[in-house]
Amino acid sequence: MKVIYSLILFVFFNLISPFLYAASGNEISCKVVGISDGDTLTCLHKRKPLKVRLLHIDAPESAQPYGNKAKQTLANLVFKKQVMLHSQGYDRYQRLLAVIYDEQERNINLLLVQKGMA
């Protein structure tokens, strides 16, 4: 009986966990409206601008070598598109730190690294 009870709890929590994660405020859907550099963008969420810093990567600044190419690569991937942010807090400049997924559920942060832009 304990095995059945444990199995039921296991299945229940595995089914409900995606909903709990989404409800916790860690996922945000928004439209990208600006690209600052290769690892920072602005998107609209509920009609308000939201500055976002891509988590776990560091792209060259615009004035550095490959900076403009990194910015253009990010723009080609997400500018004027709907994205999903998986946020993990804010940095000292009050930018939202997030892993970004496009409409095909591709990890944009990882794509930038794979393309050599971060």
Protein backbone atom coordinates (compact mmCIF):
# COMPACT_ATOMS: atom_id res chain seq x y z
CA MET A 1 0.00 0.00 0.00
CA LYS A 2 2.87 2.40 0.77
CA VAL A 3 4.32 1.79 -2.67
CA ILE A 4 1.02 2.68 -4.36
CA TYR A 5 0.62 5.78 -2.19
CA SER A 6 4.20 6.87 -2.99
CA LEU A 7 3.64 6.26 -6.69
CA ILE A 8 0.45 8.34 -6.67
CA LEU A 9 2.25 11.22 -4.93
CA PHE A 10 5.16 10.98 -7.34
CA VAL A 11 2.88 11.14 -10.39
CA PHE A 12 0.81 13.96 -8.87
CA PHE A 13 3.80 16.19 -8.15
CA ASN A 14 5.37 15.50 -11.53
CA LEU A 15 2.14 16.50 -13.25
CA ILE A 16 1.65 19.67 -11.20
CA SER A 17 5.27 20.91 -11.07
CA PRO A 18 5.25 22.68 -14.49
CA PHE A 19 2.21 24.67 -13.40
CA LEU A 20 3.83 25.61 -10.11
CA TYR A 21 6.96 26.77 -11.91
CA ALA A 22 4.98 28.92 -14.34
CA ALA A 23 2.89 30.39 -11.53
CA SER A 24 5.98 31.31 -9.53
CA GLY A 25 6.66 34.22 -11.88
CA ASN A 26 9.83 32.77 -13.37
CA GLU A 27 8.44 32.64 -16.91
CA ILE A 28 7.60 35.81 -18.78
CA SER A 29 6.35 36.09 -22.34
CA CYS A 30 7.26 39.32 -24.12
CA LYS A 31 7.99 40.86 -27.52
CA VAL A 32 11.54 42.04 -28.21
CA VAL A 33 11.56 45.73 -29.20
CA GLY A 34 15.22 46.67 -28.80
CA ILE A 35 18.74 45.25 -28.83
CA SER A 36 21.35 47.10 -26.76
CA ASP A 37 24.29 44.79 -27.44
CA GLY A 38 25.04 41.09 -27.87
CA ASP A 39 23.71 40.10 -24.45
CA THR A 40 21.15 42.78 -23.53
CA LEU A 41 17.73 43.51 -25.00
CA THR A 42 14.48 45.30 -24.26
CA CYS A 43 11.10 43.66 -24.54
CA LEU A 44 7.51 44.69 -23.90
CA HIS A 45 5.66 42.84 -21.17
CA LYS A 46 2.14 44.03 -20.37
CA ARG A 47 2.84 47.20 -22.39
CA LYS A 48 5.86 48.09 -20.24
CA PRO A 49 9.51 47.98 -21.33
CA LEU A 50 11.64 45.38 -19.61
CA LYS A 51 15.45 45.47 -19.83
CA VAL A 52 16.82 41.92 -20.01
CA ARG A 53 20.40 40.65 -19.63
CA LEU A 54 21.02 37.19 -21.07
CA LEU A 55 22.06 34.89 -18.25
CA HIS A 56 25.26 32.78 -18.23
CA ILE A 57 26.86 34.46 -21.25
CA ASP A 58 29.06 37.48 -21.92
CA ALA A 59 29.06 38.93 -25.41
CA PRO A 60 31.50 41.63 -26.59
CA GLU A 61 30.42 45.24 -26.01
CA SER A 62 29.53 47.25 -29.11
CA ALA A 63 32.90 49.08 -29.13
CA GLN A 64 34.89 45.83 -28.84
CA PRO A 65 35.89 43.54 -31.71
CA TYR A 66 32.89 41.46 -32.86
CA GLY A 67 30.59 43.62 -30.69
CA ASN A 68 28.45 44.79 -33.60
CA LYS A 69 28.36 41.28 -35.06
CA ALA A 70 27.17 39.86 -31.71
CA LYS A 71 24.48 42.54 -31.51
CA GLN A 72 23.35 41.85 -35.09
CA THR A 73 23.27 38.09 -34.45
CA LEU A 74 21.02 38.58 -31.41
CA ALA A 75 18.80 40.93 -33.43
CA ASN A 76 18.49 38.40 -36.26
CA LEU A 77 17.38 35.76 -33.76
CA VAL A 78 14.83 37.67 -31.67
CA PHE A 79 14.13 41.28 -32.77
CA LYS A 80 10.38 41.95 -33.17
CA LYS A 81 9.62 38.38 -32.09
CA GLN A 82 7.75 36.88 -29.17
CA VAL A 83 10.08 35.19 -26.67
CA MET A 84 9.81 33.36 -23.36
CA LEU A 85 12.07 34.51 -20.53
CA HIS A 86 13.09 32.10 -17.78
CA SER A 87 14.16 34.66 -15.21
CA GLN A 88 16.45 34.31 -12.24
CA GLY A 89 16.37 37.71 -10.55
CA TYR A 90 17.97 41.05 -11.32
CA ASP A 91 21.52 42.33 -11.65
CA ARG A 92 22.96 45.46 -10.00
CA TYR A 93 21.69 47.59 -12.92
CA GLN A 94 18.12 46.33 -12.37
CA ARG A 95 18.12 44.30 -15.58
CA LEU A 96 16.18 41.06 -15.49
CA LEU A 97 18.55 38.08 -15.75
CA ALA A 98 17.08 35.41 -17.99
CA VAL A 99 17.55 32.52 -20.34
CA ILE A 100 15.59 33.34 -23.50
CA TYR A 101 13.65 30.92 -25.67
CA ASP A 102 12.21 31.77 -29.08
CA GLU A 103 8.94 30.56 -30.59
CA GLN A 104 10.60 27.29 -31.67
CA GLU A 105 11.72 26.80 -28.04
CA ARG A 106 15.39 27.27 -28.96
CA ASN A 107 17.67 28.47 -26.17
CA ILE A 108 18.91 31.81 -27.54
CA ASN A 109 21.67 32.11 -24.93
CA LEU A 110 23.08 28.76 -26.03
CA LEU A 111 22.69 29.61 -29.73
CA LEU A 112 24.82 32.74 -29.28
CA VAL A 113 27.58 30.65 -27.69
CA GLN A 114 27.35 28.03 -30.45
CA LYS A 115 27.64 30.78 -33.08
CA GLY A 116 30.76 32.14 -31.35
CA MET A 117 29.11 35.42 -30.37
CA ALA A 118 29.42 34.99 -26.61
